[in-house]
Protein backbone atom coordinates (compact mmCIF):
# COMPACT_ATOMS: atom_id res chain seq x y z
CA MET A 1 0.01 -0.01 0.01
CA LYS A 2 2.82 2.31 0.80
CA ARG A 3 4.33 1.89 -2.63
CA LYS A 4 0.97 2.46 -4.25
CA ASP A 5 0.46 5.68 -2.10
CA HIS A 6 3.93 6.75 -3.16
CA THR A 7 3.21 6.12 -6.87
CA VAL A 8 -0.07 8.15 -6.57
CA ALA A 9 1.79 10.81 -4.97
CA VAL A 10 4.42 10.97 -7.83
CA HIS A 11 1.67 10.96 -10.38
CA LYS A 12 -0.08 13.89 -8.68
CA SER A 13 3.28 15.78 -8.38
CA PHE A 14 3.82 15.20 -12.08
CA LEU A 15 0.48 16.26 -13.07
CA MET A 16 0.82 19.49 -10.88
CA PHE A 17 4.07 20.03 -12.53
CA LEU A 18 2.38 19.72 -16.01
CA LEU A 19 -0.37 22.10 -14.96
CA LEU A 20 2.20 24.73 -13.70
CA ILE A 21 3.94 24.43 -17.20
CA VAL A 22 0.76 24.99 -18.93
CA PHE A 23 -0.20 27.97 -16.74
CA PHE A 24 3.12 29.70 -17.14
CA ALA A 25 3.02 29.09 -20.81
CA PHE A 26 -0.46 30.49 -21.00
CA THR A 27 0.70 33.45 -18.86
CA ALA A 28 3.55 34.21 -21.15
CA CYS A 29 1.38 33.94 -24.21
CA ASN A 30 -1.20 36.37 -22.59
CA THR A 31 1.62 38.79 -21.69
CA LYS A 32 3.10 38.57 -25.31
CA GLY A 33 -0.43 39.25 -26.57
CA ASN A 34 -0.91 42.23 -24.24
CA ASN A 35 2.41 43.71 -25.49
CA SER A 36 1.30 43.31 -28.99
CA GLU A 37 -2.10 44.95 -28.21
CA ARG A 38 -0.27 48.08 -26.77
CA LEU A 39 -0.75 50.26 -29.91
CA SER A 40 2.13 52.68 -28.90
CA SER A 41 5.68 52.49 -27.87
CA SER A 42 7.28 55.84 -27.21
CA THR A 43 10.18 55.16 -29.64
CA MET A 44 7.62 54.61 -32.43
CA PRO A 45 4.47 56.62 -31.54
CA ASP A 46 1.50 54.87 -33.15
CA PHE A 47 0.34 56.70 -36.20
CA GLN A 48 2.54 59.71 -35.31
CA TYR A 49 -0.58 61.81 -35.21
CA MET A 50 1.42 64.90 -34.03
CA PHE A 51 3.55 64.63 -37.16
CA LYS A 52 0.54 64.12 -39.40
CA TYR A 53 -0.83 67.30 -37.80
CA ASP A 54 2.42 69.09 -38.83
CA GLY A 55 2.56 67.73 -42.34
CA ALA A 56 3.53 64.04 -42.40
CA ARG A 57 0.47 62.61 -44.18
CA ILE A 58 1.24 58.99 -43.87
CA PRO A 59 3.22 57.38 -41.02
CA THR A 60 5.70 54.66 -40.84
CA GLN A 61 4.59 51.38 -39.41
CA LYS A 62 6.84 48.60 -38.12
CA SER A 63 6.53 44.77 -37.93
CA ASP A 64 9.03 42.34 -36.42
CA SER A 65 11.06 42.17 -39.54
CA GLY A 66 10.98 45.61 -40.86
CA TYR A 67 9.38 49.03 -41.76
CA TYR A 68 6.39 49.84 -43.98
CA ASN A 69 5.97 53.09 -45.86
CA ILE A 70 3.53 54.19 -48.56
CA VAL A 71 5.29 55.93 -51.58
CA ASN A 72 3.10 57.18 -54.40
CA ASP A 73 0.18 54.64 -53.47
CA HIS A 74 2.58 51.70 -53.27
CA ILE A 75 3.41 49.84 -49.94
CA ILE A 76 7.15 49.66 -49.59
CA PHE A 77 8.74 47.26 -47.18
CA THR A 78 12.28 47.89 -45.79
CA ASP A 79 14.26 45.29 -44.12
CA ALA A 80 15.09 46.43 -40.55
CA GLU A 81 18.71 45.05 -40.72
CA THR A 82 19.93 45.69 -44.30
CA LEU A 83 17.54 48.69 -45.19
CA ASP A 84 16.89 46.88 -48.44
CA SER A 85 13.49 48.07 -49.73
CA THR A 86 11.09 46.55 -52.20
CA PRO A 87 7.54 47.00 -53.14
CA LEU A 88 5.19 44.64 -51.22
CA CYS A 89 4.42 42.54 -54.27
CA ASN A 90 5.57 38.99 -55.08
CA LYS A 91 4.61 38.78 -58.65
CA THR A 92 7.78 37.97 -60.64
CA ASP A 93 6.50 39.71 -63.79
CA CYS A 94 5.55 42.91 -62.19
CA LEU A 95 7.64 46.12 -62.40
CA HIS A 96 5.52 47.85 -59.64
CA THR A 97 4.67 50.97 -61.63
CA GLY A 98 1.62 52.64 -62.79
CA ASP A 99 1.50 50.56 -65.85
CA PHE A 100 0.94 47.42 -63.70
CA PRO A 101 -2.54 48.19 -61.96
CA ASP A 102 -2.56 44.49 -60.58
CA CYS A 103 0.51 44.96 -58.65
CA ASN A 104 -0.06 43.63 -55.11
CA ALA A 105 1.81 46.60 -53.54
CA LYS A 106 -0.48 49.04 -55.21
CA ILE A 107 -3.37 50.54 -53.09
CA SER A 108 -4.86 53.09 -55.40
CA ASP A 109 -8.16 52.81 -53.59
CA MET A 110 -6.75 54.23 -50.36
CA GLU A 111 -8.60 57.42 -49.71
CA SER A 112 -5.92 60.13 -49.52
CA SER A 113 -7.79 62.14 -46.86
CA PHE A 114 -7.75 59.33 -44.41
CA ASP A 115 -4.04 59.47 -44.35
CA ASN A 116 -3.18 56.39 -42.15
CA PHE A 117 -2.49 52.92 -42.16
CA GLN A 118 -1.85 50.56 -39.22
CA ILE A 119 -0.32 47.13 -38.59
CA TYR A 120 -2.45 45.09 -36.11
CA ARG A 121 -2.08 41.36 -35.51
CA ASP A 122 -0.05 40.62 -38.52
CA LYS A 123 -2.21 42.48 -41.00
CA MET A 124 -2.05 45.93 -42.35
CA TYR A 125 -5.23 48.12 -42.34
CA TYR A 126 -6.17 51.12 -44.33
CA LEU A 127 -9.45 52.94 -45.37
CA ALA A 128 -10.73 53.11 -48.85
CA THR A 129 -13.79 54.72 -50.45
CA LYS A 130 -16.27 52.75 -52.68
CA TYR A 131 -18.77 54.63 -54.86
CA ASN A 132 -21.84 52.75 -56.54
CA GLU A 133 -22.63 54.69 -59.73
CA ASN A 134 -25.83 52.97 -59.99
CA THR A 135 -27.27 53.97 -56.59
CA ASP A 136 -24.88 57.03 -55.92
CA GLU A 137 -24.11 55.23 -52.58
CA VAL A 138 -20.77 56.16 -50.97
CA SER A 139 -19.21 53.66 -48.61
CA THR A 140 -16.02 53.74 -46.44
CA ILE A 141 -14.32 50.44 -46.28
CA LEU A 142 -11.73 49.15 -43.70
CA LYS A 143 -9.39 46.94 -45.75
CA SER A 144 -6.85 44.44 -44.55
CA THR A 145 -3.67 43.26 -46.24
CA SER A 146 -1.46 40.45 -45.38
CA LEU A 147 2.20 41.71 -44.53
CA ASP A 148 3.48 39.93 -47.63
CA GLY A 149 1.03 41.67 -49.74
CA THR A 150 -0.57 38.46 -51.08
CA GLN A 151 -4.12 38.78 -49.71
CA SER A 152 -6.46 41.74 -49.30
CA ASP A 153 -9.97 41.59 -47.71
CA THR A 154 -12.68 43.85 -46.49
CA ALA A 155 -12.85 43.96 -42.69
CA MET A 156 -15.75 46.39 -42.42
CA GLU A 157 -17.97 48.64 -44.51
CA PHE A 158 -19.62 51.92 -43.45
CA LYS A 159 -22.31 53.28 -45.51
CA ASP A 160 -22.95 57.14 -45.82
CA LYS A 161 -20.25 57.99 -43.37
CA PHE A 162 -17.10 60.00 -43.84
CA ILE A 163 -14.32 59.09 -41.40
CA CYS A 164 -11.60 61.66 -40.71
CA ASP A 165 -9.63 59.84 -38.06
CA TRP A 166 -9.33 56.23 -36.89
CA PHE A 167 -7.24 53.50 -35.11
CA ILE A 168 -7.41 49.98 -33.92
CA TYR A 169 -6.82 49.03 -30.46
CA ASP A 170 -7.50 45.94 -28.28
CA GLY A 171 -9.93 44.44 -30.63
CA TYR A 172 -11.91 47.65 -31.47
CA PHE A 173 -11.95 49.89 -34.54
CA TYR A 174 -12.21 53.45 -33.38
CA TYR A 175 -13.33 56.17 -35.70
CA GLN A 176 -14.24 59.87 -35.80
CA THR A 177 -17.02 60.97 -38.12
CA SER A 178 -16.45 64.28 -40.08
CA ALA A 179 -19.81 64.67 -41.49
CA SER A 180 -23.01 62.67 -42.26
CA ILE A 181 -23.35 62.21 -46.08
CA SER A 182 -26.97 61.49 -46.17
CA GLU A 183 -30.09 62.96 -44.28
CA GLU A 184 -31.15 59.56 -43.33
CA ASN A 185 -27.97 59.25 -41.24
CA SER A 186 -28.22 62.74 -39.81
CA GLU A 187 -28.35 61.55 -36.16
CA THR A 188 -24.58 60.73 -36.55
CA GLN A 189 -23.04 63.83 -35.04
CA ALA A 190 -19.95 65.13 -36.89
CA GLY A 191 -16.85 65.00 -34.92
CA ASN A 192 -17.79 62.44 -32.25
CA TYR A 193 -16.08 59.03 -31.62
CA TYR A 194 -17.47 55.59 -32.11
CA ARG A 195 -15.89 52.19 -31.87
CA VAL A 196 -16.82 48.77 -33.47
CA SER A 197 -15.84 45.38 -32.29
CA LEU A 198 -13.69 43.51 -34.70
CA SER A 199 -15.15 40.20 -33.66
CA ASP A 200 -19.06 40.73 -33.50
CA LYS A 201 -19.21 44.19 -35.47
CA ARG A 202 -21.14 45.71 -32.51
CA GLU A 203 -20.95 49.53 -32.61
CA GLU A 204 -21.29 52.15 -29.75
CA GLU A 205 -20.64 55.72 -29.16
CA PHE A 206 -17.41 56.35 -27.46
CA ILE A 207 -16.98 60.14 -27.02
CA ASP A 208 -19.66 62.81 -27.47
CA PHE A 209 -17.97 66.15 -27.30
CA SER A 210 -21.26 67.95 -26.80
CA LYS A 211 -21.37 66.59 -23.26
CA LEU A 212 -18.15 68.24 -22.03
CA ASP A 213 -18.70 70.59 -19.11
CA GLY A 214 -17.69 74.12 -19.51
CA ILE A 215 -16.77 73.82 -23.26
CA TYR A 216 -19.39 74.83 -25.79
CA GLY A 217 -19.31 73.80 -29.42
CA ALA A 218 -16.36 71.43 -28.52
CA SER A 219 -14.52 69.53 -31.25
CA GLY A 220 -11.59 67.12 -30.87
CA THR A 221 -8.43 66.22 -33.05
CA LEU A 222 -6.81 63.00 -32.15
CA ARG A 223 -3.09 63.33 -31.36
CA ASN A 224 -1.95 59.89 -30.26
CA ILE A 225 -2.72 56.78 -28.38
CA TYR A 226 -0.53 55.44 -25.56
CA ASP A 227 -0.79 52.86 -22.79
CA GLY A 228 -4.59 52.50 -22.79
CA TYR A 229 -5.43 56.18 -23.39
CA MET A 230 -6.09 58.49 -26.47
CA TYR A 231 -4.84 62.07 -26.34
CA VAL A 232 -7.13 64.63 -28.07
CA THR A 233 -6.71 68.29 -28.64
CA ILE A 234 -10.09 69.93 -27.76
CA ASN A 235 -11.23 73.30 -28.87
CA GLY A 236 -14.47 75.24 -28.08
CA TYR A 237 -15.85 78.20 -26.54
CA GLU A 238 -16.00 79.13 -22.86
CA ASN A 239 -19.11 81.39 -22.84
CA LYS A 240 -22.30 79.60 -23.78
CA ALA A 241 -24.08 82.85 -24.80
CA ASP A 242 -21.37 83.66 -27.32
CA TYR A 243 -21.43 80.25 -28.78
CA GLU A 244 -25.27 80.33 -29.27
CA LYS A 245 -24.76 83.77 -31.14
CA ILE A 246 -22.09 82.26 -33.21
CA ILE A 247 -24.10 79.37 -34.42
CA LYS A 248 -27.00 81.69 -35.16
CA GLY A 249 -24.57 84.00 -37.09
CA GLU A 250 -25.19 86.95 -34.81
CA LYS A 251 -22.57 89.62 -33.91
CA ILE A 252 -20.63 89.38 -30.70
CA ASP A 253 -19.53 92.28 -28.74
CA GLY A 254 -16.02 92.20 -27.49
CA GLU A 255 -13.50 89.39 -27.69
CA ILE A 256 -14.57 85.62 -28.15
CA SER A 257 -13.34 83.58 -25.33
CA THR A 258 -12.17 80.28 -26.65
CA VAL A 259 -10.90 77.01 -25.01
CA ARG A 260 -8.06 74.80 -26.14
CA LYS A 261 -7.10 71.78 -24.07
CA ILE A 262 -5.59 68.33 -24.19
CA GLY A 263 -8.04 65.62 -23.19
CA ARG A 264 -6.81 62.20 -21.95
CA TYR A 265 -9.53 59.54 -22.58
CA SER A 266 -9.40 56.09 -21.10
CA LEU A 267 -9.86 53.46 -23.77
CA SER A 268 -11.47 51.16 -21.18
CA ASP A 269 -14.27 53.27 -19.90
CA GLY A 270 -14.17 56.57 -21.82
CA SER A 271 -13.33 58.60 -18.78
CA TYR A 272 -11.85 62.04 -19.41
CA THR A 273 -9.26 64.21 -17.73
CA THR A 274 -7.65 67.50 -18.95
CA ILE A 275 -3.80 67.93 -19.27
CA ASP A 276 -2.59 71.43 -18.90
CA PRO A 277 0.64 71.36 -16.89
CA TYR A 278 1.42 75.10 -16.94
CA LYS A 279 -2.02 76.46 -17.42
CA ASN A 280 -1.08 78.44 -20.43
CA ASP A 281 -0.84 77.33 -24.15
CA TYR A 282 0.22 73.76 -23.95
CA GLU A 283 0.70 71.58 -27.05
CA PHE A 284 1.12 67.86 -27.13
CA VAL A 285 4.18 66.41 -28.68
CA GLY A 286 4.51 62.75 -27.89
CA PHE A 287 6.01 60.24 -25.35
CA SER A 288 9.44 59.73 -24.00
CA ASP A 289 10.31 56.75 -21.68
CA GLU A 290 6.77 56.86 -20.15
CA LYS A 291 6.79 60.62 -19.83
CA LEU A 292 4.61 63.10 -21.66
CA VAL A 293 6.53 65.72 -23.83
CA GLY A 294 4.89 69.02 -24.93
CA THR A 295 5.50 72.63 -25.56
CA ASP A 296 4.19 75.52 -23.69
CA THR A 297 3.94 79.13 -24.84
CA VAL A 298 4.38 82.21 -22.51
CA ASN A 299 4.96 85.79 -23.87
CA ASP A 300 5.90 84.61 -27.24
CA LYS A 301 8.57 82.22 -25.74
CA LYS A 302 8.04 78.46 -26.28
CA LYS A 303 9.56 75.86 -23.85
CA VAL A 304 9.68 72.17 -24.19
CA CYS A 305 8.64 70.36 -21.00
CA ILE A 306 8.16 66.80 -19.83
CA SER A 307 5.59 65.54 -17.18
CA GLU A 308 3.68 62.48 -15.94
CA LEU A 309 1.42 60.93 -18.42
CA ASP A 310 -1.49 62.79 -16.79
CA GLY A 311 0.28 66.14 -16.97
CA THR A 312 1.42 66.25 -13.43
CA ASN A 313 4.91 67.06 -12.11
CA PRO A 314 5.90 69.26 -15.19
CA GLN A 315 9.62 70.19 -15.89
CA THR A 316 11.15 72.42 -18.45
CA VAL A 317 13.84 70.95 -20.73
CA THR A 318 14.79 73.98 -22.86
CA GLU A 319 13.38 77.23 -24.32
CA ILE A 320 12.94 77.55 -28.14
CA ASN A 321 11.36 80.04 -30.50
CA ASN A 322 8.15 79.42 -32.49
CA THR A 323 10.05 78.19 -35.66
CA TYR A 324 10.84 74.81 -34.20
CA ARG A 325 9.50 71.37 -34.57
CA VAL A 326 10.00 68.94 -31.63
CA PHE A 327 10.21 65.03 -31.89
CA CYS A 328 11.02 62.62 -29.18
CA ASP A 329 11.82 59.00 -28.33
CA ASP A 330 12.65 56.97 -25.24
CA SER A 331 16.21 58.37 -25.12
CA TYR A 332 16.22 61.97 -26.47
CA ILE A 333 14.23 64.99 -27.53
CA TYR A 334 15.02 66.35 -30.95
CA VAL A 335 14.42 70.01 -31.73
CA TYR A 336 14.59 71.08 -35.32
CA ASN A 337 15.17 74.79 -35.96
CA GLN A 338 13.26 75.49 -39.22
CA SER A 339 14.82 78.99 -39.70
CA ALA A 340 18.33 79.87 -40.59
CA ILE A 341 20.60 80.16 -37.50
CA ASP A 342 21.84 83.41 -38.79
CA GLU A 343 21.55 85.89 -41.71
CA SER A 344 25.00 84.87 -43.23
CA THR A 345 23.85 81.25 -43.89
CA ASP A 346 20.89 79.07 -44.77
CA ASP A 347 21.90 76.37 -42.46
CA LYS A 348 19.22 74.83 -40.31
CA ILE A 349 19.93 72.83 -37.09
CA ILE A 350 18.70 69.71 -35.30
CA SER A 351 19.62 69.95 -31.62
CA VAL A 352 19.42 66.92 -29.36
CA TYR A 353 18.75 67.06 -25.66
CA ASP A 354 18.48 64.57 -22.90
CA LYS A 355 15.48 64.66 -20.56
CA ASN A 356 17.39 66.62 -18.05
CA GLY A 357 17.81 69.59 -20.58
CA GLU A 358 21.49 68.91 -21.48
CA LYS A 359 22.23 69.56 -25.11
CA LYS A 360 24.00 66.54 -26.43
CA SER A 361 24.58 67.78 -30.05
CA ASP A 362 23.93 70.15 -32.97
CA VAL A 363 23.68 68.83 -36.44
CA THR A 364 23.38 70.88 -39.54
CA VAL A 365 20.61 69.88 -41.96
CA PRO A 366 21.41 70.11 -45.64
CA SER A 367 19.32 72.36 -47.82
CA GLU A 368 18.04 69.51 -50.07
CA VAL A 369 16.20 68.07 -47.10
CA SER A 370 15.38 71.05 -44.93
CA ASP A 371 11.95 71.77 -46.40
CA VAL A 372 10.69 68.26 -45.96
CA MET A 373 12.08 67.65 -42.41
CA TYR A 374 8.74 68.78 -40.92
CA ALA A 375 7.17 65.50 -42.26
CA ILE A 376 9.47 63.24 -40.31
CA THR A 377 7.98 59.98 -39.00
CA PHE A 378 9.63 57.75 -36.36
CA GLY A 379 10.78 54.18 -36.16
CA ASP A 380 12.85 52.37 -33.44
CA ASP A 381 16.22 53.28 -34.95
CA TYR A 382 15.40 55.64 -37.82
CA MET A 383 13.61 58.74 -38.76
CA TRP A 384 11.76 58.59 -42.10
CA PHE A 385 10.87 61.31 -44.55
CA GLN A 386 10.01 61.51 -48.31
CA LYS A 387 11.12 64.08 -50.83
CA SER A 388 10.02 64.94 -54.35
CA GLU A 389 12.45 65.63 -57.02
CA ASN A 390 12.16 68.06 -60.10
CA ASN A 391 11.78 65.12 -62.47
CA GLY A 392 8.84 63.79 -60.53
CA ALA A 393 10.57 61.09 -58.63
CA GLN A 394 9.33 60.32 -55.10
CA VAL A 395 12.30 59.32 -52.79
CA LEU A 396 11.94 57.55 -49.56
CA CYS A 397 14.87 58.26 -47.08
CA CYS A 398 15.79 57.49 -43.61
CA ILE A 399 18.10 58.89 -40.94
CA LYS A 400 19.90 56.79 -38.39
CA LYS A 401 18.97 58.43 -35.16
CA SER A 402 22.39 57.67 -33.62
CA ASP A 403 23.94 59.85 -36.23
CA LEU A 404 22.31 62.84 -34.80
CA LEU A 405 24.69 62.66 -31.80
CA ASN A 406 27.58 63.52 -34.08
CA SER A 407 27.73 67.21 -32.98
CA GLY A 408 29.20 69.68 -35.39
CA LYS A 409 28.60 67.39 -38.46
CA GLU A 410 26.05 67.65 -41.40
CA LEU A 411 23.15 65.42 -41.09
CA THR A 412 23.46 62.19 -43.09
CA TYR A 413 20.64 60.36 -44.59
CA LYS A 414 20.17 57.28 -46.84
CA GLU A 415 17.92 56.91 -49.94
CA VAL A 416 16.14 53.49 -49.50
CA TYR A 417 13.66 53.61 -52.34
CA ARG A 418 12.89 55.64 -55.40
CA TYR A 419 9.60 55.67 -57.41
CA GLU A 420 9.92 57.30 -60.82
């Protein structure tokens, strides 16, 4: 009996060991899944909404193996290690030009006004517009494409809606309406946010800007999504009577008191807080090592500041003038001077600061790229930009961010793809 009891005990121990292995494996898988669900990392702000706002129409997206850009309505894949770039098409007889409309890399149906594409769970998503000539019906389509470009499907279709901003997060497609196209759909308020479950297609209203306390005629512009929150620039009017006169087209005596704030919305329950660290003219920039980066303007002086993600504990990094663009990643804050440093030269400068405000380098920007630097988008190790040449060629270029620490040198960049 004792040996039998011992055998049973061993079997139970072995079974428990197996259960523990399964448990930890399941936990590891879930952890990995949660990391992939996190739409943003501060080294590659998802969608780079702040750069889109400043002129970068279409952002860079990254998978485990490389970077994806859209160049002249073609998806271009760039290997992360070699920087070799190629259109996302596996057809051996395709030259990936306008003469080959069936090229897998071509996404001519992508609506340019939507401006974004996103990689989510090993697929690339973008919006397209479909027009039915027989019924005059206009539909917005969420399309998905495999990361090798071989397969394309329709994930969702929205009839009589114009979508101006969108993203996918944690199993939901979030979108903002710009206008209702038909009178039948007039109950859809322009500017509000909705979300649709990717699994069961159930839709719900997520943000109604008209319900904000103390802000009248409010509207919002999406800036970024990070760690379960969406950051929105909110504009409106402080005085209800003035707003009511404005919508009636009546004259207002005196100055119109407007409101401009950064709203932080929880993607779990839609709860809302305001971010305004200095109580002045605060503008959102991005994220750096789980910190919020922004700029604030006082008496025509602009300063770069960092704070906690909810806007608390603000600290000034450096002061700049109003002709600068600010970018950031987990390690540094990059400040691009868009005006010449003095009258004797046309040189423009990128200055790199650490988060304590110590300047690490000044790099001169060559004239041939200075005018397109405002359209930078970020990757883990590279900045990306596109420039057009006089012959019509569209050129995709990248900057190795570590090269920006070579103080006193001229900025170097690499051409990775050319569309002619």
